[in-house]
Amino acid sequence: MTSFSDRERAFENKFARDEELQFRITARRNRLVGTWAAGLMKLTPEETDAYAKSVVQADFEEAGDEDVIRKLLGDLVSAGIDIDELGVRSALDAQMAEARRQYIEEAN
């Protein structure tokens, strides 16, 4: 019976590590996409840093990416940037790949 308990504990630990890793990568993606959007809006470096943090914070409003997409799309359109939801989603996908790449590089 001990081996079953050990195996169960190992699966739980792996799940927790995987969830933490996904959280960190998503937060990094949000920061990267916030920096991308700030560049389109021609924000100063200080404004860019604050904006990227606000995009990370926006992800805590609800589960999934819709809250981040809504924030980015609203801010970009308000700033006069010609972009649609598909453009924002494409940027999110590209930045997710970059966030994963950066994480892998740091781990090695």
N, C-alpha and C. Protein backbone atom coordinates (compact mmCIF):
# COMPACT_ATOMS: atom_id res chain seq x y z
N MET A 1 0.81 -1.19 0.00
CA MET A 1 0.00 0.00 0.00
C MET A 1 0.86 1.27 0.00
N THR A 2 2.03 1.19 0.54
CA THR A 2 2.90 2.34 0.60
C THR A 2 3.31 2.80 -0.80
N SER A 3 3.57 1.88 -1.70
CA SER A 3 3.98 2.27 -3.04
C SER A 3 2.85 3.01 -3.78
N PHE A 4 1.61 2.62 -3.51
CA PHE A 4 0.50 3.33 -4.12
C PHE A 4 0.42 4.75 -3.58
N SER A 5 0.59 4.92 -2.28
CA SER A 5 0.58 6.26 -1.67
C SER A 5 1.74 7.10 -2.19
N ASP A 6 2.90 6.48 -2.32
CA ASP A 6 4.07 7.19 -2.85
C ASP A 6 3.82 7.62 -4.29
N ARG A 7 3.24 6.75 -5.05
CA ARG A 7 2.95 7.06 -6.46
C ARG A 7 1.93 8.19 -6.56
N GLU A 8 0.89 8.12 -5.73
CA GLU A 8 -0.13 9.18 -5.72
C GLU A 8 0.49 10.52 -5.34
N ARG A 9 1.32 10.53 -4.32
CA ARG A 9 2.01 11.75 -3.88
C ARG A 9 2.91 12.30 -5.00
N ALA A 10 3.59 11.41 -5.70
CA ALA A 10 4.45 11.83 -6.80
C ALA A 10 3.64 12.48 -7.91
N PHE A 11 2.49 11.90 -8.24
CA PHE A 11 1.63 12.50 -9.27
C PHE A 11 1.12 13.87 -8.83
N GLU A 12 0.74 13.98 -7.56
CA GLU A 12 0.27 15.27 -7.04
C GLU A 12 1.37 16.32 -7.10
N ASN A 13 2.59 15.94 -6.74
CA ASN A 13 3.72 16.87 -6.80
C ASN A 13 4.01 17.29 -8.23
N LYS A 14 3.96 16.34 -9.15
CA LYS A 14 4.20 16.67 -10.56
C LYS A 14 3.13 17.62 -11.07
N PHE A 15 1.88 17.36 -10.73
CA PHE A 15 0.79 18.24 -11.14
C PHE A 15 1.01 19.65 -10.61
N ALA A 16 1.38 19.77 -9.35
CA ALA A 16 1.62 21.09 -8.75
C ALA A 16 2.77 21.81 -9.46
N ARG A 17 3.85 21.10 -9.76
CA ARG A 17 4.98 21.71 -10.47
C ARG A 17 4.58 22.15 -11.87
N ASP A 18 3.82 21.30 -12.57
CA ASP A 18 3.37 21.64 -13.92
C ASP A 18 2.48 22.88 -13.92
N GLU A 19 1.57 22.96 -12.94
CA GLU A 19 0.68 24.12 -12.84
C GLU A 19 1.46 25.39 -12.54
N GLU A 20 2.44 25.31 -11.66
CA GLU A 20 3.27 26.48 -11.34
C GLU A 20 4.06 26.92 -12.56
N LEU A 21 4.61 25.97 -13.29
CA LEU A 21 5.35 26.28 -14.50
C LEU A 21 4.45 26.97 -15.52
N GLN A 22 3.26 26.45 -15.73
CA GLN A 22 2.33 27.06 -16.69
C GLN A 22 1.96 28.48 -16.24
N PHE A 23 1.76 28.68 -14.95
CA PHE A 23 1.45 30.01 -14.42
C PHE A 23 2.58 30.98 -14.72
N ARG A 24 3.82 30.56 -14.47
CA ARG A 24 4.98 31.43 -14.70
C ARG A 24 5.13 31.77 -16.19
N ILE A 25 4.95 30.79 -17.04
CA ILE A 25 5.08 31.02 -18.48
C ILE A 25 3.97 31.95 -18.96
N THR A 26 2.75 31.77 -18.48
CA THR A 26 1.64 32.64 -18.88
C THR A 26 1.87 34.06 -18.39
N ALA A 27 2.36 34.22 -17.18
CA ALA A 27 2.65 35.56 -16.66
C ALA A 27 3.74 36.23 -17.50
N ARG A 28 4.74 35.47 -17.89
CA ARG A 28 5.80 36.02 -18.74
C ARG A 28 5.24 36.40 -20.11
N ARG A 29 4.38 35.54 -20.66
CA ARG A 29 3.72 35.85 -21.94
C ARG A 29 2.94 37.15 -21.85
N ASN A 30 2.20 37.32 -20.77
CA ASN A 30 1.42 38.53 -20.60
C ASN A 30 2.31 39.77 -20.51
N ARG A 31 3.42 39.63 -19.83
CA ARG A 31 4.37 40.76 -19.74
C ARG A 31 4.94 41.07 -21.12
N LEU A 32 5.30 40.03 -21.86
CA LEU A 32 5.85 40.24 -23.20
C LEU A 32 4.82 40.88 -24.14
N VAL A 33 3.58 40.41 -24.09
CA VAL A 33 2.56 40.96 -24.98
C VAL A 33 2.21 42.39 -24.53
N GLY A 34 2.30 42.66 -23.24
CA GLY A 34 2.09 44.03 -22.76
C GLY A 34 3.18 44.96 -23.28
N THR A 35 4.40 44.47 -23.30
CA THR A 35 5.51 45.26 -23.85
C THR A 35 5.33 45.48 -25.35
N TRP A 36 4.87 44.46 -26.04
CA TRP A 36 4.58 44.57 -27.49
C TRP A 36 3.51 45.63 -27.74
N ALA A 37 2.42 45.57 -26.98
CA ALA A 37 1.33 46.54 -27.16
C ALA A 37 1.79 47.94 -26.81
N ALA A 38 2.59 48.07 -25.77
CA ALA A 38 3.11 49.39 -25.38
C ALA A 38 3.97 49.98 -26.50
N GLY A 39 4.72 49.12 -27.18
CA GLY A 39 5.51 49.58 -28.32
C GLY A 39 4.64 50.12 -29.44
N LEU A 40 3.54 49.43 -29.69
CA LEU A 40 2.61 49.91 -30.72
C LEU A 40 2.00 51.25 -30.33
N MET A 41 1.77 51.44 -29.02
CA MET A 41 1.16 52.68 -28.54
C MET A 41 2.20 53.78 -28.30
N LYS A 42 3.48 53.44 -28.54
CA LYS A 42 4.59 54.38 -28.39
C LYS A 42 4.68 54.95 -26.98
N LEU A 43 4.60 54.07 -25.99
CA LEU A 43 4.72 54.48 -24.60
C LEU A 43 6.19 54.64 -24.22
N THR A 44 6.45 55.46 -23.22
CA THR A 44 7.81 55.63 -22.70
C THR A 44 8.23 54.35 -21.99
N PRO A 45 9.53 54.20 -21.72
CA PRO A 45 9.97 53.00 -21.00
C PRO A 45 9.29 52.82 -19.64
N GLU A 46 9.07 53.89 -18.91
CA GLU A 46 8.40 53.81 -17.62
C GLU A 46 6.93 53.40 -17.81
N GLU A 47 6.28 53.98 -18.79
CA GLU A 47 4.88 53.64 -19.09
C GLU A 47 4.78 52.19 -19.58
N THR A 48 5.78 51.77 -20.35
CA THR A 48 5.80 50.40 -20.87
C THR A 48 5.86 49.40 -19.72
N ASP A 49 6.73 49.65 -18.76
CA ASP A 49 6.85 48.75 -17.62
C ASP A 49 5.54 48.69 -16.83
N ALA A 50 4.94 49.84 -16.58
CA ALA A 50 3.67 49.89 -15.85
C ALA A 50 2.55 49.20 -16.64
N TYR A 51 2.54 49.41 -17.95
CA TYR A 51 1.50 48.81 -18.78
C TYR A 51 1.65 47.29 -18.82
N ALA A 52 2.88 46.80 -18.97
CA ALA A 52 3.11 45.35 -18.99
C ALA A 52 2.64 44.72 -17.68
N LYS A 53 2.90 45.39 -16.56
CA LYS A 53 2.43 44.88 -15.27
C LYS A 53 0.91 44.87 -15.21
N SER A 54 0.27 45.88 -15.80
CA SER A 54 -1.19 45.93 -15.77
C SER A 54 -1.80 44.81 -16.61
N VAL A 55 -1.12 44.41 -17.67
CA VAL A 55 -1.60 43.28 -18.48
C VAL A 55 -1.49 41.99 -17.68
N VAL A 56 -0.41 41.82 -16.94
CA VAL A 56 -0.26 40.64 -16.08
C VAL A 56 -1.39 40.62 -15.05
N GLN A 57 -1.67 41.77 -14.46
CA GLN A 57 -2.75 41.86 -13.45
C GLN A 57 -4.12 41.57 -14.06
N ALA A 58 -4.32 41.99 -15.30
CA ALA A 58 -5.61 41.78 -15.96
C ALA A 58 -5.96 40.31 -16.07
N ASP A 59 -4.95 39.45 -16.12
CA ASP A 59 -5.19 38.02 -16.28
C ASP A 59 -5.83 37.39 -15.04
N PHE A 60 -5.84 38.11 -13.92
CA PHE A 60 -6.42 37.57 -12.70
C PHE A 60 -7.91 37.85 -12.59
N GLU A 61 -8.49 38.55 -13.57
CA GLU A 61 -9.90 38.89 -13.51
C GLU A 61 -10.81 37.68 -13.72
N GLU A 62 -10.45 36.80 -14.62
CA GLU A 62 -11.25 35.60 -14.89
C GLU A 62 -10.35 34.53 -15.49
N ALA A 63 -10.82 33.31 -15.49
CA ALA A 63 -10.05 32.21 -16.05
C ALA A 63 -9.96 32.36 -17.57
N GLY A 64 -8.86 31.91 -18.12
CA GLY A 64 -8.68 31.98 -19.57
C GLY A 64 -8.02 33.28 -20.00
N ASP A 65 -7.95 33.47 -21.31
CA ASP A 65 -7.25 34.62 -21.88
C ASP A 65 -8.18 35.77 -22.25
N GLU A 66 -9.47 35.59 -22.11
CA GLU A 66 -10.41 36.61 -22.59
C GLU A 66 -10.23 37.95 -21.90
N ASP A 67 -9.89 37.94 -20.60
CA ASP A 67 -9.69 39.19 -19.89
C ASP A 67 -8.48 39.95 -20.44
N VAL A 68 -7.42 39.23 -20.76
CA VAL A 68 -6.22 39.86 -21.32
C VAL A 68 -6.51 40.39 -22.73
N ILE A 69 -7.20 39.59 -23.53
CA ILE A 69 -7.54 40.00 -24.89
C ILE A 69 -8.41 41.26 -24.86
N ARG A 70 -9.39 41.26 -23.98
CA ARG A 70 -10.28 42.40 -23.86
C ARG A 70 -9.50 43.67 -23.49
N LYS A 71 -8.59 43.56 -22.53
CA LYS A 71 -7.77 44.71 -22.12
C LYS A 71 -6.90 45.21 -23.26
N LEU A 72 -6.17 44.30 -23.88
CA LEU A 72 -5.27 44.68 -24.96
C LEU A 72 -6.03 45.31 -26.12
N LEU A 73 -7.09 44.66 -26.54
CA LEU A 73 -7.86 45.16 -27.68
C LEU A 73 -8.45 46.53 -27.37
N GLY A 74 -9.01 46.68 -26.19
CA GLY A 74 -9.59 47.96 -25.80
C GLY A 74 -8.56 49.07 -25.76
N ASP A 75 -7.41 48.79 -25.16
CA ASP A 75 -6.36 49.80 -25.04
C ASP A 75 -5.77 50.16 -26.40
N LEU A 76 -5.54 49.15 -27.23
CA LEU A 76 -4.96 49.42 -28.55
C LEU A 76 -5.91 50.21 -29.44
N VAL A 77 -7.18 49.82 -29.46
CA VAL A 77 -8.17 50.54 -30.26
C VAL A 77 -8.32 51.97 -29.75
N SER A 78 -8.34 52.15 -28.43
CA SER A 78 -8.44 53.49 -27.84
C SER A 78 -7.25 54.37 -28.22
N ALA A 79 -6.09 53.73 -28.42
CA ALA A 79 -4.89 54.47 -28.79
C ALA A 79 -4.81 54.72 -30.30
N GLY A 80 -5.83 54.27 -31.04
CA GLY A 80 -5.86 54.50 -32.47
C GLY A 80 -5.09 53.48 -33.30
N ILE A 81 -4.75 52.35 -32.69
CA ILE A 81 -4.03 51.29 -33.40
C ILE A 81 -5.06 50.45 -34.16
N ASP A 82 -4.79 50.22 -35.44
CA ASP A 82 -5.70 49.44 -36.28
C ASP A 82 -5.39 47.96 -36.09
N ILE A 83 -6.14 47.32 -35.18
CA ILE A 83 -5.94 45.91 -34.88
C ILE A 83 -7.28 45.30 -34.51
N ASP A 84 -7.42 44.01 -34.76
CA ASP A 84 -8.66 43.33 -34.39
C ASP A 84 -8.32 42.21 -33.40
N GLU A 85 -9.35 41.49 -32.98
CA GLU A 85 -9.16 40.42 -32.00
C GLU A 85 -8.20 39.35 -32.50
N LEU A 86 -8.28 39.03 -33.78
CA LEU A 86 -7.38 38.02 -34.35
C LEU A 86 -5.92 38.47 -34.24
N GLY A 87 -5.67 39.75 -34.46
CA GLY A 87 -4.31 40.28 -34.34
C GLY A 87 -3.79 40.16 -32.91
N VAL A 88 -4.65 40.44 -31.95
CA VAL A 88 -4.26 40.32 -30.54
C VAL A 88 -4.02 38.85 -30.19
N ARG A 89 -4.89 37.97 -30.64
CA ARG A 89 -4.71 36.54 -30.37
C ARG A 89 -3.43 36.01 -31.01
N SER A 90 -3.10 36.49 -32.20
CA SER A 90 -1.86 36.07 -32.85
C SER A 90 -0.65 36.53 -32.05
N ALA A 91 -0.72 37.76 -31.53
CA ALA A 91 0.37 38.27 -30.70
C ALA A 91 0.51 37.44 -29.42
N LEU A 92 -0.62 37.07 -28.82
CA LEU A 92 -0.57 36.23 -27.63
C LEU A 92 0.10 34.89 -27.93
N ASP A 93 -0.26 34.28 -29.06
CA ASP A 93 0.35 33.00 -29.44
C ASP A 93 1.85 33.14 -29.65
N ALA A 94 2.24 34.21 -30.35
CA ALA A 94 3.67 34.43 -30.62
C ALA A 94 4.44 34.66 -29.32
N GLN A 95 3.86 35.42 -28.42
CA GLN A 95 4.54 35.71 -27.16
C GLN A 95 4.55 34.49 -26.23
N MET A 96 3.56 33.61 -26.36
CA MET A 96 3.58 32.37 -25.57
C MET A 96 4.77 31.51 -26.01
N ALA A 97 4.99 31.43 -27.31
CA ALA A 97 6.14 30.67 -27.80
C ALA A 97 7.44 31.29 -27.31
N GLU A 98 7.51 32.62 -27.32
CA GLU A 98 8.71 33.31 -26.84
C GLU A 98 8.90 33.09 -25.34
N ALA A 99 7.84 33.15 -24.57
CA ALA A 99 7.93 32.94 -23.12
C ALA A 99 8.44 31.53 -22.82
N ARG A 100 7.94 30.55 -23.55
CA ARG A 100 8.41 29.16 -23.36
C ARG A 100 9.88 29.04 -23.72
N ARG A 101 10.26 29.66 -24.84
CA ARG A 101 11.66 29.62 -25.27
C ARG A 101 12.56 30.24 -24.21
N GLN A 102 12.18 31.39 -23.68
CA GLN A 102 12.97 32.05 -22.65
C GLN A 102 13.08 31.18 -21.39
N TYR A 103 11.99 30.55 -21.01
CA TYR A 103 12.01 29.71 -19.82
C TYR A 103 12.95 28.52 -20.01
N ILE A 104 12.89 27.91 -21.18
CA ILE A 104 13.77 26.77 -21.46
C ILE A 104 15.23 27.20 -21.44
N GLU A 105 15.52 28.35 -22.04
CA GLU A 105 16.90 28.86 -22.05
C GLU A 105 17.40 29.10 -20.63
N GLU A 106 16.56 29.67 -19.78
CA GLU A 106 16.95 29.95 -18.40
C GLU A 106 17.16 28.65 -17.62
N ALA A 107 16.37 27.63 -17.92
CA ALA A 107 16.48 26.35 -17.20
C ALA A 107 17.75 25.60 -17.56
N ASN A 108 18.30 25.85 -18.74
CA ASN A 108 19.51 25.13 -19.18
C ASN A 108 20.74 25.86 -18.87
